[in-house]
Amino acid sequence: MSKVLLSLLVVLALVGCGENQQARQTRLYGPNAYKVAGDTTAWSNPPFNGEESAWQQEIDARARNQNEYDRIR
C-alpha cells in the first residue's frame, strides 16, 4: 500500500513539475515593424486621424504639463 502511494506521489510530483510546450512568439524590430505585425501607429486613430504632427504636439504639451517646475511658476 505504501509503495503504491509513494509511487503515485512521485508520479504526481513529476507531472506537476513538467512544462507545456508553448507557441513560439517572435518579436519584430525595426522602423516598419508595426506594418509587418499589422499594428497601427499611435496617431492613426481618432482624435488625430493620421496627423503625426498633431499627435507630436499633444505629446509635447503633456510633457510640459508634467514638469513641476513650470507648473508652479
PDB file of N, CA and C in Angstrom:
ATOM      1  N   MET A   1       0.814  -1.193   0.000  1.00  0.00           N
ATOM      2  CA  MET A   1       0.000   0.000   0.000  1.00  0.00           C
ATOM      3  C   MET A   1       0.858   1.257   0.000  1.00  0.00           C
ATOM      4  N   SER A   2       1.882   1.287   0.839  1.00  0.00           N
ATOM      5  CA  SER A   2       2.714   2.481   0.914  1.00  0.00           C
ATOM      6  C   SER A   2       3.565   2.648  -0.341  1.00  0.00           C
ATOM      7  N   LYS A   3       3.960   1.539  -0.988  1.00  0.00           N
ATOM      8  CA  LYS A   3       4.733   1.648  -2.229  1.00  0.00           C
ATOM      9  C   LYS A   3       3.880   2.235  -3.343  1.00  0.00           C
ATOM     10  N   VAL A   4       2.629   1.844  -3.397  1.00  0.00           N
ATOM     11  CA  VAL A   4       1.708   2.379  -4.409  1.00  0.00           C
ATOM     12  C   VAL A   4       1.472   3.860  -4.157  1.00  0.00           C
ATOM     13  N   LEU A   5       1.250   4.209  -2.919  1.00  0.00           N
ATOM     14  CA  LEU A   5       1.025   5.609  -2.563  1.00  0.00           C
ATOM     15  C   LEU A   5       2.261   6.451  -2.839  1.00  0.00           C
ATOM     16  N   LEU A   6       3.426   5.924  -2.512  1.00  0.00           N
ATOM     17  CA  LEU A   6       4.672   6.644  -2.761  1.00  0.00           C
ATOM     18  C   LEU A   6       4.913   6.814  -4.253  1.00  0.00           C
ATOM     19  N   SER A   7       4.683   5.769  -5.025  1.00  0.00           N
ATOM     20  CA  SER A   7       4.893   5.874  -6.472  1.00  0.00           C
ATOM     21  C   SER A   7       3.881   6.831  -7.097  1.00  0.00           C
ATOM     22  N   LEU A   8       2.637   6.827  -6.618  1.00  0.00           N
ATOM     23  CA  LEU A   8       1.635   7.771  -7.104  1.00  0.00           C
ATOM     24  C   LEU A   8       2.035   9.200  -6.765  1.00  0.00           C
ATOM     25  N   LEU A   9       2.554   9.410  -5.582  1.00  0.00           N
ATOM     26  CA  LEU A   9       3.005  10.736  -5.166  1.00  0.00           C
ATOM     27  C   LEU A   9       4.175  11.215  -6.023  1.00  0.00           C
ATOM     28  N   VAL A  10       5.109  10.320  -6.320  1.00  0.00           N
ATOM     29  CA  VAL A  10       6.253  10.675  -7.166  1.00  0.00           C
ATOM     30  C   VAL A  10       5.786  11.013  -8.575  1.00  0.00           C
ATOM     31  N   VAL A  11       4.867  10.226  -9.115  1.00  0.00           N
ATOM     32  CA  VAL A  11       4.349  10.488 -10.463  1.00  0.00           C
ATOM     33  C   VAL A  11       3.631  11.830 -10.501  1.00  0.00           C
ATOM     34  N   LEU A  12       2.807  12.121  -9.527  1.00  0.00           N
ATOM     35  CA  LEU A  12       2.098  13.402  -9.488  1.00  0.00           C
ATOM     36  C   LEU A  12       3.067  14.575  -9.344  1.00  0.00           C
ATOM     37  N   ALA A  13       4.109  14.402  -8.565  1.00  0.00           N
ATOM     38  CA  ALA A  13       5.103  15.468  -8.407  1.00  0.00           C
ATOM     39  C   ALA A  13       5.831  15.723  -9.715  1.00  0.00           C
ATOM     40  N   LEU A  14       6.174  14.665 -10.424  1.00  0.00           N
ATOM     41  CA  LEU A  14       6.864  14.839 -11.703  1.00  0.00           C
ATOM     42  C   LEU A  14       5.953  15.461 -12.756  1.00  0.00           C
ATOM     43  N   VAL A  15       4.699  15.094 -12.761  1.00  0.00           N
ATOM     44  CA  VAL A  15       3.755  15.681 -13.709  1.00  0.00           C
ATOM     45  C   VAL A  15       3.549  17.159 -13.395  1.00  0.00           C
ATOM     46  N   GLY A  16       3.496  17.501 -12.129  1.00  0.00           N
ATOM     47  CA  GLY A  16       3.294  18.889 -11.732  1.00  0.00           C
ATOM     48  C   GLY A  16       4.473  19.782 -12.061  1.00  0.00           C
ATOM     49  N   CYS A  17       5.644  19.210 -12.165  1.00  0.00           N
ATOM     50  CA  CYS A  17       6.839  19.998 -12.465  1.00  0.00           C
ATOM     51  C   CYS A  17       7.101  20.102 -13.964  1.00  0.00           C
ATOM     52  N   GLY A  18       6.295  19.445 -14.767  1.00  0.00           N
ATOM     53  CA  GLY A  18       6.507  19.477 -16.209  1.00  0.00           C
ATOM     54  C   GLY A  18       6.145  20.825 -16.798  1.00  0.00           C
ATOM     55  N   GLU A  19       6.645  21.080 -17.987  1.00  0.00           N
ATOM     56  CA  GLU A  19       6.371  22.333 -18.670  1.00  0.00           C
ATOM     57  C   GLU A  19       5.724  22.033 -20.008  1.00  0.00           C
ATOM     58  N   ASN A  20       4.627  22.725 -20.281  1.00  0.00           N
ATOM     59  CA  ASN A  20       3.949  22.554 -21.560  1.00  0.00           C
ATOM     60  C   ASN A  20       4.686  23.329 -22.641  1.00  0.00           C
ATOM     61  N   GLN A  21       4.716  22.782 -23.835  1.00  0.00           N
ATOM     62  CA  GLN A  21       5.312  23.495 -24.956  1.00  0.00           C
ATOM     63  C   GLN A  21       4.383  24.632 -25.355  1.00  0.00           C
ATOM     64  N   GLN A  22       4.948  25.794 -25.539  1.00  0.00           N
ATOM     65  CA  GLN A  22       4.160  26.953 -25.921  1.00  0.00           C
ATOM     66  C   GLN A  22       4.534  27.359 -27.330  1.00  0.00           C
ATOM     67  N   ALA A  23       3.608  28.022 -27.983  1.00  0.00           N
ATOM     68  CA  ALA A  23       3.880  28.501 -29.329  1.00  0.00           C
ATOM     69  C   ALA A  23       4.968  29.565 -29.267  1.00  0.00           C
ATOM     70  N   ARG A  24       5.859  29.530 -30.210  1.00  0.00           N
ATOM     71  CA  ARG A  24       6.957  30.491 -30.236  1.00  0.00           C
ATOM     72  C   ARG A  24       6.424  31.858 -30.620  1.00  0.00           C
ATOM     73  N   GLN A  25       6.818  32.840 -29.845  1.00  0.00           N
ATOM     74  CA  GLN A  25       6.411  34.207 -30.119  1.00  0.00           C
ATOM     75  C   GLN A  25       7.649  35.000 -30.499  1.00  0.00           C
ATOM     76  N   THR A  26       7.656  35.513 -31.697  1.00  0.00           N
ATOM     77  CA  THR A  26       8.802  36.293 -32.145  1.00  0.00           C
ATOM     78  C   THR A  26       8.469  37.768 -32.046  1.00  0.00           C
ATOM     79  N   ARG A  27       9.450  38.536 -31.735  1.00  0.00           N
ATOM     80  CA  ARG A  27       9.297  39.980 -31.606  1.00  0.00           C
ATOM     81  C   ARG A  27       9.854  40.631 -32.858  1.00  0.00           C
ATOM     82  N   LEU A  28       9.115  41.568 -33.396  1.00  0.00           N
ATOM     83  CA  LEU A  28       9.547  42.277 -34.591  1.00  0.00           C
ATOM     84  C   LEU A  28      10.225  43.578 -34.182  1.00  0.00           C
ATOM     85  N   TYR A  29      11.318  43.873 -34.826  1.00  0.00           N
ATOM     86  CA  TYR A  29      12.049  45.101 -34.549  1.00  0.00           C
ATOM     87  C   TYR A  29      12.243  45.869 -35.846  1.00  0.00           C
ATOM     88  N   GLY A  30      12.503  47.138 -35.725  1.00  0.00           N
ATOM     89  CA  GLY A  30      12.816  47.951 -36.876  1.00  0.00           C
ATOM     90  C   GLY A  30      11.770  49.024 -37.108  1.00  0.00           C
ATOM     91  N   PRO A  31      12.054  49.912 -38.061  1.00  0.00           N
ATOM     92  CA  PRO A  31      11.152  51.042 -38.289  1.00  0.00           C
ATOM     93  C   PRO A  31       9.800  50.636 -38.866  1.00  0.00           C
ATOM     94  N   ASN A  32       9.717  49.525 -39.586  1.00  0.00           N
ATOM     95  CA  ASN A  32       8.454  49.110 -40.193  1.00  0.00           C
ATOM     96  C   ASN A  32       7.842  47.910 -39.486  1.00  0.00           C
ATOM     97  N   ALA A  33       8.199  47.687 -38.252  1.00  0.00           N
ATOM     98  CA  ALA A  33       7.709  46.507 -37.530  1.00  0.00           C
ATOM     99  C   ALA A  33       6.199  46.557 -37.347  1.00  0.00           C
ATOM    100  N   TYR A  34       5.638  47.742 -37.147  1.00  0.00           N
ATOM    101  CA  TYR A  34       4.195  47.838 -36.944  1.00  0.00           C
ATOM    102  C   TYR A  34       3.435  47.476 -38.209  1.00  0.00           C
ATOM    103  N   LYS A  35       4.010  47.746 -39.374  1.00  0.00           N
ATOM    104  CA  LYS A  35       3.348  47.379 -40.628  1.00  0.00           C
ATOM    105  C   LYS A  35       3.369  45.871 -40.827  1.00  0.00           C
ATOM    106  N   VAL A  36       4.490  45.251 -40.493  1.00  0.00           N
ATOM    107  CA  VAL A  36       4.613  43.804 -40.650  1.00  0.00           C
ATOM    108  C   VAL A  36       3.678  43.093 -39.676  1.00  0.00           C
ATOM    109  N   ALA A  37       3.576  43.605 -38.472  1.00  0.00           N
ATOM    110  CA  ALA A  37       2.751  42.974 -37.450  1.00  0.00           C
ATOM    111  C   ALA A  37       1.269  43.284 -37.625  1.00  0.00           C
ATOM    112  N   GLY A  38       0.942  44.253 -38.461  1.00  0.00           N
ATOM    113  CA  GLY A  38      -0.451  44.627 -38.645  1.00  0.00           C
ATOM    114  C   GLY A  38      -0.939  45.637 -37.636  1.00  0.00           C
ATOM    115  N   ASP A  39      -0.042  46.219 -36.865  1.00  0.00           N
ATOM    116  CA  ASP A  39      -0.427  47.227 -35.885  1.00  0.00           C
ATOM    117  C   ASP A  39      -0.592  48.576 -36.570  1.00  0.00           C
ATOM    118  N   THR A  40      -1.157  49.505 -35.845  1.00  0.00           N
ATOM    119  CA  THR A  40      -1.295  50.862 -36.352  1.00  0.00           C
ATOM    120  C   THR A  40      -0.444  51.791 -35.499  1.00  0.00           C
ATOM    121  N   THR A  41      -0.192  52.958 -36.023  1.00  0.00           N
ATOM    122  CA  THR A  41       0.583  53.946 -35.272  1.00  0.00           C
ATOM    123  C   THR A  41      -0.307  54.613 -34.229  1.00  0.00           C
ATOM    124  N   ALA A  42       0.300  55.305 -33.305  1.00  0.00           N
ATOM    125  CA  ALA A  42      -0.456  55.958 -32.237  1.00  0.00           C
ATOM    126  C   ALA A  42      -1.320  57.094 -32.773  1.00  0.00           C
ATOM    127  N   TRP A  43      -0.935  57.686 -33.869  1.00  0.00           N
ATOM    128  CA  TRP A  43      -1.659  58.829 -34.403  1.00  0.00           C
ATOM    129  C   TRP A  43      -2.633  58.447 -35.519  1.00  0.00           C
ATOM    130  N   SER A  44      -2.790  57.175 -35.822  1.00  0.00           N
ATOM    131  CA  SER A  44      -3.668  56.797 -36.929  1.00  0.00           C
ATOM    132  C   SER A  44      -5.136  56.713 -36.518  1.00  0.00           C
ATOM    133  N   ASN A  45      -5.435  56.797 -35.237  1.00  0.00           N
ATOM    134  CA  ASN A  45      -6.811  56.700 -34.746  1.00  0.00           C
ATOM    135  C   ASN A  45      -7.296  58.063 -34.275  1.00  0.00           C
ATOM    136  N   PRO A  46      -8.609  58.205 -34.072  1.00  0.00           N
ATOM    137  CA  PRO A  46      -9.112  59.470 -33.541  1.00  0.00           C
ATOM    138  C   PRO A  46      -8.477  59.758 -32.187  1.00  0.00           C
ATOM    139  N   PRO A  47      -8.224  60.954 -31.806  1.00  0.00           N
ATOM    140  CA  PRO A  47      -8.630  62.210 -32.409  1.00  0.00           C
ATOM    141  C   PRO A  47      -7.652  62.770 -33.434  1.00  0.00           C
ATOM    142  N   PHE A  48      -6.580  62.077 -33.729  1.00  0.00           N
ATOM    143  CA  PHE A  48      -5.550  62.635 -34.609  1.00  0.00           C
ATOM    144  C   PHE A  48      -5.758  62.259 -36.071  1.00  0.00           C
ATOM    145  N   ASN A  49      -6.375  61.134 -36.352  1.00  0.00           N
ATOM    146  CA  ASN A  49      -6.741  60.705 -37.708  1.00  0.00           C
ATOM    147  C   ASN A  49      -5.582  60.762 -38.694  1.00  0.00           C
ATOM    148  N   GLY A  50      -4.445  60.286 -38.281  1.00  0.00           N
ATOM    149  CA  GLY A  50      -3.303  60.187 -39.179  1.00  0.00           C
ATOM    150  C   GLY A  50      -2.374  61.383 -39.194  1.00  0.00           C
ATOM    151  N   GLU A  51      -2.643  62.399 -38.399  1.00  0.00           N
ATOM    152  CA  GLU A  51      -1.783  63.584 -38.372  1.00  0.00           C
ATOM    153  C   GLU A  51      -0.703  63.393 -37.308  1.00  0.00           C
ATOM    154  N   GLU A  52       0.481  63.026 -37.762  1.00  0.00           N
ATOM    155  CA  GLU A  52       1.574  62.775 -36.823  1.00  0.00           C
ATOM    156  C   GLU A  52       2.002  64.048 -36.114  1.00  0.00           C
ATOM    157  N   SER A  53       1.972  65.183 -36.816  1.00  0.00           N
ATOM    158  CA  SER A  53       2.410  66.435 -36.191  1.00  0.00           C
ATOM    159  C   SER A  53       1.466  66.840 -35.052  1.00  0.00           C
ATOM    160  N   ALA A  54       0.164  66.638 -35.230  1.00  0.00           N
ATOM    161  CA  ALA A  54      -0.784  66.960 -34.157  1.00  0.00           C
ATOM    162  C   ALA A  54      -0.562  66.046 -32.955  1.00  0.00           C
ATOM    163  N   TRP A  55      -0.280  64.784 -33.216  1.00  0.00           N
ATOM    164  CA  TRP A  55      -0.003  63.842 -32.132  1.00  0.00           C
ATOM    165  C   TRP A  55       1.265  64.257 -31.387  1.00  0.00           C
ATOM    166  N   GLN A  56       2.300  64.654 -32.134  1.00  0.00           N
ATOM    167  CA  GLN A  56       3.557  65.062 -31.509  1.00  0.00           C
ATOM    168  C   GLN A  56       3.371  66.323 -30.670  1.00  0.00           C
ATOM    169  N   GLN A  57       2.553  67.259 -31.157  1.00  0.00           N
ATOM    170  CA  GLN A  57       2.275  68.461 -30.374  1.00  0.00           C
ATOM    171  C   GLN A  57       1.544  68.117 -29.076  1.00  0.00           C
ATOM    172  N   GLU A  58       0.609  67.176 -29.144  1.00  0.00           N
ATOM    173  CA  GLU A  58      -0.113  66.754 -27.945  1.00  0.00           C
ATOM    174  C   GLU A  58       0.820  66.083 -26.941  1.00  0.00           C
ATOM    175  N   ILE A  59       1.730  65.260 -27.426  1.00  0.00           N
ATOM    176  CA  ILE A  59       2.699  64.603 -26.544  1.00  0.00           C
ATOM    177  C   ILE A  59       3.613  65.642 -25.893  1.00  0.00           C
ATOM    178  N   ASP A  60       4.052  66.617 -26.672  1.00  0.00           N
ATOM    179  CA  ASP A  60       4.903  67.673 -26.115  1.00  0.00           C
ATOM    180  C   ASP A  60       4.156  68.487 -25.058  1.00  0.00           C
ATOM    181  N   ALA A  61       2.884  68.788 -25.315  1.00  0.00           N
ATOM    182  CA  ALA A  61       2.089  69.549 -24.351  1.00  0.00           C
ATOM    183  C   ALA A  61       1.898  68.747 -23.065  1.00  0.00           C
ATOM    184  N   ARG A  62       1.668  67.455 -23.185  1.00  0.00           N
ATOM    185  CA  ARG A  62       1.530  66.618 -21.995  1.00  0.00           C
ATOM    186  C   ARG A  62       2.830  66.583 -21.203  1.00  0.00           C
ATOM    187  N   ALA A  63       3.944  66.531 -21.892  1.00  0.00           N
ATOM    188  CA  ALA A  63       5.237  66.508 -21.202  1.00  0.00           C
ATOM    189  C   ALA A  63       5.491  67.833 -20.489  1.00  0.00           C
ATOM    190  N   ARG A  64       5.116  68.942 -21.135  1.00  0.00           N
ATOM    191  CA  ARG A  64       5.291  70.250 -20.496  1.00  0.00           C
ATOM    192  C   ARG A  64       4.405  70.374 -19.257  1.00  0.00           C
ATOM    193  N   ASN A  65       3.194  69.836 -19.318  1.00  0.00           N
ATOM    194  CA  ASN A  65       2.284  69.920 -18.166  1.00  0.00           C
ATOM    195  C   ASN A  65       2.740  69.054 -17.004  1.00  0.00           C
ATOM    196  N   GLN A  66       3.565  68.073 -17.257  1.00  0.00           N
ATOM    197  CA  GLN A  66       4.053  67.216 -16.183  1.00  0.00           C
ATOM    198  C   GLN A  66       5.303  67.771 -15.516  1.00  0.00           C
ATOM    199  N   ASN A  67       5.840  68.855 -16.031  1.00  0.00           N
ATOM    200  CA  ASN A  67       7.027  69.470 -15.460  1.00  0.00           C
ATOM    201  C   ASN A  67       6.606  70.330 -14.270  1.00  0.00           C
ATOM    202  N   GLU A  68       6.919  69.895 -13.074  1.00  0.00           N
ATOM    203  CA  GLU A  68       6.503  70.597 -11.860  1.00  0.00           C
ATOM    204  C   GLU A  68       7.119  71.995 -11.762  1.00  0.00           C
ATOM    205  N   TYR A  69       8.314  72.161 -12.264  1.00  0.00           N
ATOM    206  CA  TYR A  69       8.974  73.461 -12.165  1.00  0.00           C
ATOM    207  C   TYR A  69       8.198  74.515 -12.950  1.00  0.00           C
ATOM    208  N   ASP A  70       7.740  74.156 -14.140  1.00  0.00           N
ATOM    209  CA  ASP A  70       6.970  75.109 -14.947  1.00  0.00           C
ATOM    210  C   ASP A  70       5.560  75.307 -14.399  1.00  0.00           C
ATOM    211  N   ARG A  71       4.992  74.279 -13.799  1.00  0.00           N
ATOM    212  CA  ARG A  71       3.615  74.379 -13.317  1.00  0.00           C
ATOM    213  C   ARG A  71       3.484  75.307 -12.122  1.00  0.00           C
ATOM    214  N   ILE A  72       4.503  75.417 -11.278  1.00  0.00           N
ATOM    215  CA  ILE A  72       4.371  76.241 -10.073  1.00  0.00           C
ATOM    216  C   ILE A  72       4.788  77.681 -10.303  1.00  0.00           C
ATOM    217  N   ARG A  73       5.281  78.007 -11.441  1.00  0.00           N
ATOM    218  CA  ARG A  73       5.691  79.390 -11.723  1.00  0.00           C
ATOM    219  C   ARG A  73       4.511  80.275 -11.948  1.00  0.00           C
TER     220      ARG A  73
END
